[in-house]
Amino acid sequence: MPIRPEQLQAAWWVGLGLAMLWALYVLGPILTPFLAGAVLAYILNPGVDRLARRRVPRTVGALLMLVLLVLALLLVVLIVAPLIRKQITELTLHLPAFLAKLDEVLAPRLKLWFGWDVHFDAASLKALIAEQWQSSDGLTERILASLKLGGLALAGLLGNLLLIPLVLFYLLADWPRLIERIDHAVPRRWHAKVREIAGEIDAVLAEFLRGQLAVMGLLALYYSVALWLGGIDFALPIGIITGGLVFVPYLGFATGLLLALAVAALQLDGLHSLVVVAAVFGFGQVLESFFLTPRIVGDRIGLHPLAVVFALLAFGQVFGFFGVLLALPASAMLLVGMRHLYRAYFASPFYREP
């Protein structure tokens, strides 16, 4: 049977789409700032649209939204910086007492259980570090090499951070023209259906953002109140940081846990504070993973709780960190497409005709 021109054209477009997906996968590391800028532009574009309806030039509106975003990030830094500075100061002041407490509580048990004669004091730590430094072949070279690699990674990170605002500004300023060009490029026979699907995707993503903001607010409130009731210092900033970073799966939990453990260790009240932190964050992780995110975010975008967990694991496995970050919105977009395919399948002659 000869291949019809329509089939050849369809095969060509499918091949082109697969090639584009492969290119996205291969170029993932350098596409990170563009992807982050596009996500932020989608979130901030309604604000620029509102300003444009009030006769504010779109370029000025894009600049204002960028400034507001920078100010919001600076506000977060102003919340975090005092906590870090205070912890460093307290660590310097309480380190001798902390080491003495470890030497009093932990050293006898290590000797009793494992036969290790270890002492937690400044002199012993200095001697241990000096001994390890002298006995390790090529340790200096390895440290210098790691610093070099770390410096290159830091330079790449700073480059991405500087590129994201630039990408964000141009996308916000040109957003209507970009959408118009994409709309114009859609084949006319598919135009109505593509606009319908795009509208559904936009509505689903809006629901996702509302659900994610609700999860962030609830978790910030939970961690702040729970840590405060447990007697942990800096409960409010730790709770705000933990809840605010929840949009990046596991980052908010890990950051908040490390900060809370550092604060609890410096309070020097035995195991009480450490147990409180472990209990608060353990319950908080269960609350987030098995109730808030599946129920609030999953219900808003129409994903089953098991589908939410699978999406996080699958996208993280394929695309790494940004895959985890974009797992739920990407799954919501795929869900819209699957709904249309589902309806098309049951309406097709392949299903209906015997």
Protein backbone atom coordinates (compact mmCIF):
# COMPACT_ATOMS: atom_id res chain seq x y z
CA MET A 1 0.00 0.00 0.00
CA PRO A 2 1.53 3.36 -1.02
CA ILE A 3 2.09 5.96 1.65
CA ARG A 4 -0.31 8.88 1.31
CA PRO A 5 1.02 12.47 1.52
CA GLU A 6 -1.01 13.07 4.69
CA GLN A 7 0.60 10.07 6.40
CA LEU A 8 4.08 11.18 5.31
CA GLN A 9 3.45 14.69 6.62
CA ALA A 10 2.11 13.35 9.93
CA ALA A 11 5.17 11.10 10.29
CA TRP A 12 7.44 14.07 9.57
CA TRP A 13 5.78 16.20 12.26
CA VAL A 14 5.92 13.36 14.80
CA GLY A 15 9.62 12.89 14.07
CA LEU A 16 10.21 16.62 14.44
CA GLY A 17 8.41 16.63 17.78
CA LEU A 18 10.49 13.70 19.07
CA ALA A 19 13.68 15.43 17.91
CA MET A 20 12.67 18.57 19.79
CA LEU A 21 12.01 16.57 22.96
CA TRP A 22 15.43 14.90 22.62
CA ALA A 23 17.08 18.31 22.13
CA LEU A 24 15.34 19.63 25.24
CA TYR A 25 16.61 16.64 27.22
CA VAL A 26 20.20 17.03 25.96
CA LEU A 27 20.29 20.82 26.37
CA GLY A 28 18.61 20.71 29.79
CA PRO A 29 21.54 22.24 31.75
CA ILE A 30 21.79 25.36 29.58
CA LEU A 31 18.02 25.70 29.25
CA THR A 32 17.60 26.07 33.02
CA PRO A 33 17.60 29.92 33.15
CA PHE A 34 15.26 30.10 30.15
CA LEU A 35 12.89 27.58 31.71
CA ALA A 36 12.97 29.38 35.07
CA GLY A 37 12.40 32.72 33.33
CA ALA A 38 9.45 31.30 31.39
CA VAL A 39 7.85 29.92 34.57
CA LEU A 40 8.28 33.24 36.38
CA ALA A 41 6.97 35.13 33.34
CA TYR A 42 3.83 32.98 33.30
CA ILE A 43 3.28 33.71 37.00
CA LEU A 44 3.95 37.47 36.76
CA ASN A 45 2.29 38.14 33.38
CA PRO A 46 -1.21 38.78 34.86
CA GLY A 47 0.27 41.64 36.90
CA VAL A 48 1.82 43.17 33.77
CA ASP A 49 -1.51 42.77 31.96
CA ARG A 50 -3.32 44.64 34.73
CA LEU A 51 -0.81 47.48 34.51
CA ALA A 52 -1.14 47.55 30.72
CA ARG A 53 -4.94 47.89 31.03
CA ARG A 54 -4.26 51.00 33.14
CA ARG A 55 -2.25 52.49 30.26
CA VAL A 56 1.14 51.66 31.77
CA PRO A 57 3.59 50.81 28.94
CA ARG A 58 4.29 47.10 28.88
CA THR A 59 8.05 47.59 29.16
CA VAL A 60 7.56 49.72 32.28
CA GLY A 61 5.12 47.17 33.71
CA ALA A 62 7.59 44.34 33.11
CA LEU A 63 10.31 46.34 34.86
CA LEU A 64 8.01 47.06 37.82
CA MET A 65 7.13 43.39 38.23
CA LEU A 66 10.81 42.47 38.05
CA VAL A 67 11.59 45.05 40.74
CA LEU A 68 8.79 43.67 42.94
CA LEU A 69 10.17 40.16 42.54
CA VAL A 70 13.66 41.32 43.52
CA LEU A 71 12.23 43.15 46.55
CA ALA A 72 10.37 40.00 47.61
CA LEU A 73 13.59 37.99 47.38
CA LEU A 74 15.43 40.67 49.37
CA LEU A 75 12.71 40.47 52.02
CA VAL A 76 13.33 36.72 52.31
CA VAL A 77 17.07 37.39 52.64
CA LEU A 78 16.39 39.97 55.36
CA ILE A 79 14.38 37.33 57.23
CA VAL A 80 17.05 34.66 56.84
CA ALA A 81 20.18 36.78 57.36
CA PRO A 82 19.53 37.70 61.04
CA LEU A 83 18.86 34.04 61.81
CA ILE A 84 22.15 32.94 60.23
CA ARG A 85 24.12 35.77 61.83
CA LYS A 86 22.62 35.02 65.23
CA GLN A 87 23.36 31.32 64.88
CA ILE A 88 27.00 31.98 63.94
CA THR A 89 27.39 34.31 66.93
CA GLU A 90 25.80 31.81 69.29
CA LEU A 91 27.86 28.99 67.82
CA THR A 92 31.05 30.94 68.53
CA LEU A 93 29.96 31.72 72.08
CA HIS A 94 28.54 28.31 72.95
CA LEU A 95 30.94 26.03 71.10
CA PRO A 96 33.13 25.32 74.18
CA ALA A 97 30.06 24.54 76.29
CA PHE A 98 28.59 22.46 73.46
CA LEU A 99 31.79 20.43 73.12
CA ALA A 100 31.98 19.99 76.91
CA LYS A 101 28.41 18.69 76.91
CA LEU A 102 29.24 16.22 74.13
CA ASP A 103 32.35 15.11 76.01
CA GLU A 104 30.30 14.60 79.15
CA VAL A 105 27.36 12.75 77.58
CA LEU A 106 28.57 11.10 74.39
CA ALA A 107 32.23 10.22 75.01
CA PRO A 108 31.58 7.75 77.90
CA ARG A 109 28.92 5.95 75.88
CA LEU A 110 31.19 5.63 72.82
CA LYS A 111 33.88 4.13 75.00
CA LEU A 112 31.42 1.79 76.70
CA TRP A 113 29.65 0.63 73.53
CA PHE A 114 32.46 0.60 70.96
CA GLY A 115 35.68 0.97 72.93
CA TRP A 116 36.42 4.33 71.29
CA ASP A 117 38.43 6.71 73.48
CA VAL A 118 37.20 9.97 71.97
CA HIS A 119 37.18 13.37 73.64
CA PHE A 120 35.14 16.31 72.34
CA ASP A 121 37.26 19.32 73.20
CA ALA A 122 39.03 21.98 71.15
CA ALA A 123 42.53 20.54 71.68
CA SER A 124 41.50 17.01 70.65
CA LEU A 125 39.70 18.28 67.56
CA LYS A 126 42.74 20.31 66.48
CA ALA A 127 45.01 17.28 66.96
CA LEU A 128 42.61 15.04 64.99
CA ILE A 129 42.43 17.52 62.10
CA ALA A 130 46.23 17.89 62.02
CA GLU A 131 46.71 14.12 62.06
CA GLN A 132 44.25 13.56 59.22
CA TRP A 133 45.85 16.36 57.21
CA GLN A 134 49.34 14.90 57.54
CA SER A 135 48.34 11.27 56.93
CA SER A 136 46.28 11.86 53.79
CA ASP A 137 48.28 11.63 50.57
CA GLY A 138 47.44 14.34 48.12
CA LEU A 139 44.80 15.81 50.41
CA THR A 140 45.85 19.35 49.55
CA GLU A 141 45.70 18.64 45.83
CA ARG A 142 42.26 17.06 46.14
CA ILE A 143 40.97 20.03 48.14
CA LEU A 144 42.36 22.49 45.58
CA ALA A 145 40.86 20.46 42.73
CA SER A 146 37.47 20.37 44.45
CA LEU A 147 37.68 24.11 45.08
CA LYS A 148 38.40 24.63 41.39
CA LEU A 149 35.40 22.53 40.38
CA GLY A 150 33.29 24.25 43.00
CA GLY A 151 34.41 27.62 41.67
CA LEU A 152 33.36 26.68 38.14
CA ALA A 153 29.99 25.46 39.41
CA LEU A 154 29.56 28.68 41.40
CA ALA A 155 30.41 30.75 38.33
CA GLY A 156 27.83 28.80 36.33
CA LEU A 157 25.23 29.32 39.05
CA LEU A 158 25.91 33.06 39.18
CA GLY A 159 25.69 33.23 35.39
CA ASN A 160 22.29 31.52 35.47
CA LEU A 161 21.08 33.82 38.24
CA LEU A 162 22.07 36.86 36.21
CA LEU A 163 20.49 35.45 33.04
CA ILE A 164 17.12 34.63 34.62
CA PRO A 165 16.09 38.30 35.22
CA LEU A 166 17.11 39.19 31.66
CA VAL A 167 15.04 36.34 30.19
CA LEU A 168 12.15 37.21 32.51
CA PHE A 169 12.13 40.88 31.50
CA TYR A 170 12.10 40.21 27.75
CA LEU A 171 9.44 37.50 28.07
CA LEU A 172 7.18 39.79 30.12
CA ALA A 173 7.67 42.67 27.71
CA ASP A 174 7.01 40.53 24.60
CA TRP A 175 4.48 38.06 26.02
CA PRO A 176 1.43 39.14 23.91
CA ARG A 177 3.50 39.12 20.71
CA LEU A 178 4.92 35.66 21.52
CA ILE A 179 1.44 34.25 22.16
CA GLU A 180 0.16 35.88 18.97
CA ARG A 181 2.96 34.35 16.90
CA ILE A 182 2.37 30.90 18.39
CA ASP A 183 -1.36 31.26 17.74
CA HIS A 184 -0.71 32.34 14.16
CA ALA A 185 1.58 29.33 13.54
CA VAL A 186 -1.06 26.75 14.55
CA PRO A 187 -2.64 25.05 11.48
CA ARG A 188 -6.11 26.49 10.88
CA ARG A 189 -7.78 23.06 10.92
CA TRP A 190 -6.52 22.54 14.49
CA HIS A 191 -6.78 26.14 15.63
CA ALA A 192 -10.07 25.91 17.53
CA LYS A 193 -9.09 22.68 19.29
CA VAL A 194 -5.62 23.99 20.20
CA ARG A 195 -7.11 27.17 21.68
CA GLU A 196 -9.58 25.08 23.68
CA ILE A 197 -6.80 22.85 25.06
CA ALA A 198 -4.57 25.88 25.80
CA GLY A 199 -7.41 27.52 27.73
CA GLU A 200 -7.93 24.37 29.81
CA ILE A 201 -4.18 24.11 30.49
CA ASP A 202 -4.11 27.76 31.59
CA ALA A 203 -7.03 27.16 33.97
CA VAL A 204 -5.42 24.02 35.41
CA LEU A 205 -2.07 25.77 35.95
CA ALA A 206 -3.85 28.65 37.69
CA GLU A 207 -5.51 26.14 40.02
CA PHE A 208 -2.12 24.53 40.63
CA LEU A 209 -0.57 27.86 41.63
CA ARG A 210 -3.45 28.62 44.00
CA GLY A 211 -3.15 25.17 45.56
CA GLN A 212 0.62 25.47 45.91
CA LEU A 213 0.31 28.88 47.59
CA ALA A 214 -2.26 27.40 49.99
CA VAL A 215 0.12 24.54 50.88
CA MET A 216 3.00 26.98 51.43
CA GLY A 217 0.90 29.18 53.72
CA LEU A 218 -0.48 26.28 55.76
CA LEU A 219 2.96 24.69 56.23
CA ALA A 220 4.56 28.01 57.19
CA LEU A 221 1.82 28.46 59.82
CA TYR A 222 2.19 24.87 61.06
CA TYR A 223 5.97 24.93 61.45
CA SER A 224 5.98 28.39 63.06
CA VAL A 225 3.32 27.51 65.63
CA ALA A 226 4.57 23.96 66.33
CA LEU A 227 8.20 25.04 66.84
CA TRP A 228 7.08 27.96 69.02
CA LEU A 229 4.95 25.68 71.19
CA GLY A 230 7.93 23.32 71.45
CA GLY A 231 10.12 26.10 72.82
CA ILE A 232 12.43 26.38 69.79
CA ASP A 233 14.06 29.76 69.23
CA PHE A 234 13.54 31.57 65.89
CA ALA A 235 10.35 29.56 65.27
CA LEU A 236 8.78 32.24 63.04
CA PRO A 237 11.66 32.68 60.54
CA ILE A 238 12.28 28.92 60.41
CA GLY A 239 8.59 28.32 59.72
CA ILE A 240 8.47 31.01 57.01
CA ILE A 241 11.60 29.64 55.32
CA THR A 242 10.35 26.05 55.44
CA GLY A 243 6.89 26.90 54.10
CA GLY A 244 8.21 29.35 51.52
CA LEU A 245 10.58 26.79 49.98
CA VAL A 246 7.98 24.02 49.82
CA PHE A 247 7.37 24.80 46.13
CA VAL A 248 10.72 23.03 45.53
CA PRO A 249 10.02 19.48 46.79
CA TYR A 250 12.28 18.41 49.67
CA LEU A 251 14.31 21.66 49.63
CA GLY A 252 12.01 23.44 52.08
CA PHE A 253 11.89 20.46 54.41
CA ALA A 254 15.68 19.90 54.34
CA THR A 255 16.52 23.59 54.82
CA GLY A 256 14.07 24.07 57.68
CA LEU A 257 15.19 20.85 59.37
CA LEU A 258 18.87 21.82 59.27
CA LEU A 259 18.15 25.30 60.64
CA ALA A 260 15.90 23.94 63.39
CA LEU A 261 18.44 21.27 64.39
CA ALA A 262 21.20 23.89 64.58
CA VAL A 263 19.05 26.11 66.78
CA ALA A 264 17.99 23.17 68.96
CA ALA A 265 21.59 22.01 69.44
CA LEU A 266 22.68 25.51 70.53
CA GLN A 267 19.92 25.74 73.14
CA LEU A 268 21.88 23.21 75.22
CA ASP A 269 18.84 21.73 76.99
CA GLY A 270 19.67 18.11 76.40
CA LEU A 271 17.67 16.03 73.97
CA HIS A 272 14.39 17.87 74.52
CA SER A 273 14.79 20.40 71.69
CA LEU A 274 16.17 17.81 69.27
CA VAL A 275 13.22 15.50 69.96
CA VAL A 276 10.78 18.39 69.45
CA VAL A 277 12.37 19.28 66.10
CA ALA A 278 12.36 15.64 64.96
CA ALA A 279 8.69 15.23 65.91
CA VAL A 280 7.57 18.53 64.33
CA PHE A 281 9.35 17.95 61.03
CA GLY A 282 8.49 14.26 60.89
CA PHE A 283 4.79 14.99 61.25
CA GLY A 284 5.13 17.98 58.91
CA GLN A 285 6.62 15.81 56.16
CA VAL A 286 3.79 13.28 56.54
CA LEU A 287 1.26 16.13 56.52
CA GLU A 288 2.75 17.64 53.35
CA SER A 289 3.41 14.45 51.38
CA PHE A 290 0.29 12.44 52.15
CA PHE A 291 -2.38 15.03 52.85
CA LEU A 292 -1.78 18.67 51.84
CA THR A 293 -0.02 18.27 48.47
CA PRO A 294 -2.09 15.31 47.20
CA ARG A 295 -5.40 16.67 48.51
CA ILE A 296 -5.05 20.41 47.86
CA VAL A 297 -2.75 20.53 44.82
CA GLY A 298 -3.79 17.16 43.41
CA ASP A 299 -7.50 17.84 43.72
CA ARG A 300 -7.20 21.28 42.15
CA ILE A 301 -5.46 19.96 39.04
CA GLY A 302 -7.42 16.70 38.93
CA LEU A 303 -4.54 14.35 39.75
CA HIS A 304 -4.94 11.33 41.98
CA PRO A 305 -2.63 11.35 45.05
CA LEU A 306 -0.73 8.33 43.67
CA ALA A 307 -0.32 10.17 40.37
CA VAL A 308 1.21 13.12 42.25
CA VAL A 309 3.79 10.87 43.91
CA PHE A 310 4.54 9.08 40.61
CA ALA A 311 4.94 12.40 38.76
CA LEU A 312 7.49 13.66 41.31
CA LEU A 313 9.53 10.46 41.09
CA ALA A 314 9.30 10.08 37.29
CA PHE A 315 10.13 13.67 36.36
CA GLY A 316 12.92 13.77 38.93
CA GLN A 317 14.43 10.60 37.50
CA VAL A 318 14.36 11.87 33.91
CA PHE A 319 15.05 15.59 34.27
CA GLY A 320 16.73 15.92 37.68
CA PHE A 321 16.10 18.86 40.02
CA PHE A 322 14.05 20.96 37.60
CA GLY A 323 12.06 17.86 36.71
CA VAL A 324 10.97 17.59 40.34
CA LEU A 325 10.19 21.32 40.38
CA LEU A 326 8.01 21.17 37.27
CA ALA A 327 6.54 17.68 37.79
CA LEU A 328 3.06 18.77 38.91
CA PRO A 329 2.44 21.60 36.41
CA ALA A 330 3.77 19.44 33.57
CA SER A 331 1.55 16.56 34.73
CA ALA A 332 -1.42 18.92 34.78
CA MET A 333 -0.73 19.87 31.16
CA LEU A 334 -0.39 16.21 30.18
CA LEU A 335 -3.63 15.47 32.02
CA VAL A 336 -5.52 17.95 29.84
CA GLY A 337 -4.11 16.31 26.71
CA MET A 338 -4.99 12.85 28.01
CA ARG A 339 -8.59 13.93 28.63
CA HIS A 340 -8.96 15.05 25.03
CA LEU A 341 -7.33 11.85 23.75
CA TYR A 342 -9.69 9.85 25.97
CA ARG A 343 -12.76 11.57 24.52
CA ALA A 344 -11.40 11.27 20.97
CA TYR A 345 -10.78 7.56 21.44
CA PHE A 346 -14.34 6.80 22.57
CA ALA A 347 -15.73 8.91 19.72
CA SER A 348 -13.53 7.24 17.09
CA PRO A 349 -14.68 4.54 14.63
CA PHE A 350 -11.88 2.34 15.98
CA TYR A 351 -13.79 2.07 19.29
CA ARG A 352 -17.40 2.40 18.10
CA GLU A 353 -17.48 0.21 15.03
CA PRO A 354 -17.51 -3.57 15.61
